[in-house]
Amino acid sequence: MLELNEIPGIDPSDADLLDSAGIRDAKHLAEQDPKILLEKIQRANEILQLAGGVPAETTLETWIRSAENIISQMKSDFKAPSLATAVNYEGNEQVAGMLASAPYAIPLPGKYLMEKKIRVSDIPAGLLLNRYSGDLDVRIVNPDLPQGDVPNPRQAGPTTLGQKSQSKSFDPSNLRAIEPKETPVQRIAKSKQGHENDRVALIRAPRESTNRGKKPSSRNYVRGVLHPHPWSLRLGAFFTLMIMPLLPATFISVFLLLLLSKSPESFPWIPNWLIVFPMALPLVLLGYLIWGFTGKCRVCSQRLFTRKRAQKHVKAHRLIYLGYIVPLGIHMLLFSWFRCSSCGTPIRLKK
């Protein structure tokens, strides 16, 4: 099926926006209503913040018409392969004789089947000769032989059915009516508290009071899906930001303190309070192992505070010479939301 970005007028960012609204290909787009599609795109963009704005309704109408034209063109160009070639079997004398002796099929009522104990599987299936391809096995029953008791609703000529199978029996006493059972329809009661206490709604979008008075374009505007453990991520970001400067400070402090202990007369300017850095390192390292190393994205489950060589998302937080982890932690603590470095999904830490 034709991809969205192959439709004229739709660039990759527009295709991502349509994909977030559930539109997967050109056929699906051609079936949409412009007004309903615009509402879907607006809701998806409010949650994921994929673009600064959404296309106008007239633009969506143009895309839908382009998709309809492409689909109709593809259907007109497509030619179904011929699966079978019609064969005129009526030119065969045996087939002609069979058609003359049995020009029509007789419908069997259900009551007759029960009385005569005939199973449905005992009745041969009809065959359309003009639709058949290949070798045909023709069998003509001699009409002079005694046939079974078959009802004849109209007197149009002799009609023959194959002999009934006597090896299978049908007991009508085993029949019983199947009545549909009335199962009560379970309806999910709507929340009377509304959006404020709706768990699913809170996961998808924050409360109205959270972003009241904030501009959607500012970083203070909290967005994204709610993380199940927001305080664990905050602690992970805090200990990650602490351990990065603490590690080099600890090594430098240990070196200076060793110089002071060996020759205090030569290095009187080295302060004794540098011992604080080596003493704080085990505590900060323990906090990082508990909360920082285990911090994961809610969507893609990738670790957020561990360095790994992988391609990052184009919208990931990044600072020159600092990489991705430090800006991620700072943004998380200051604004209560962040974008995952791997998948780019906005995740918030505040309801």
Foldseek 3Di string as FASTA:
>chain_A
DAFLCVQPPAHPLNSVLQVLLPQGHLVSLLPDDLVVSQVSSVLSCQFFVSDPDDDDSVSSVVSNVSSVVVVVVVVVPDDDDDPAAFDPPCVPPLVVVQCVQAVDDDDDDPVNCQVVQADPVQFDDDDDNRRDHDDDDDDDDDLVDDADDDDDPDPDHHHHGDHGDPVDGHDPVPDDDDDDDDDDDDDDDDDPVPLVPDPVSCQRFPDPVCQPPHDPVDLLRAHHGEDPCLVLQLLLLVLLVVQVVLVVLLVVLVVVVVVCVVPVPVCVVRDPVSVVSVVCNVVSVVSNVVRNQCDADPPPRDRQRDDDDDQWDPQAQQDPPPGGNNRQSVSCNPRQWGARRHPRGIYGHHD
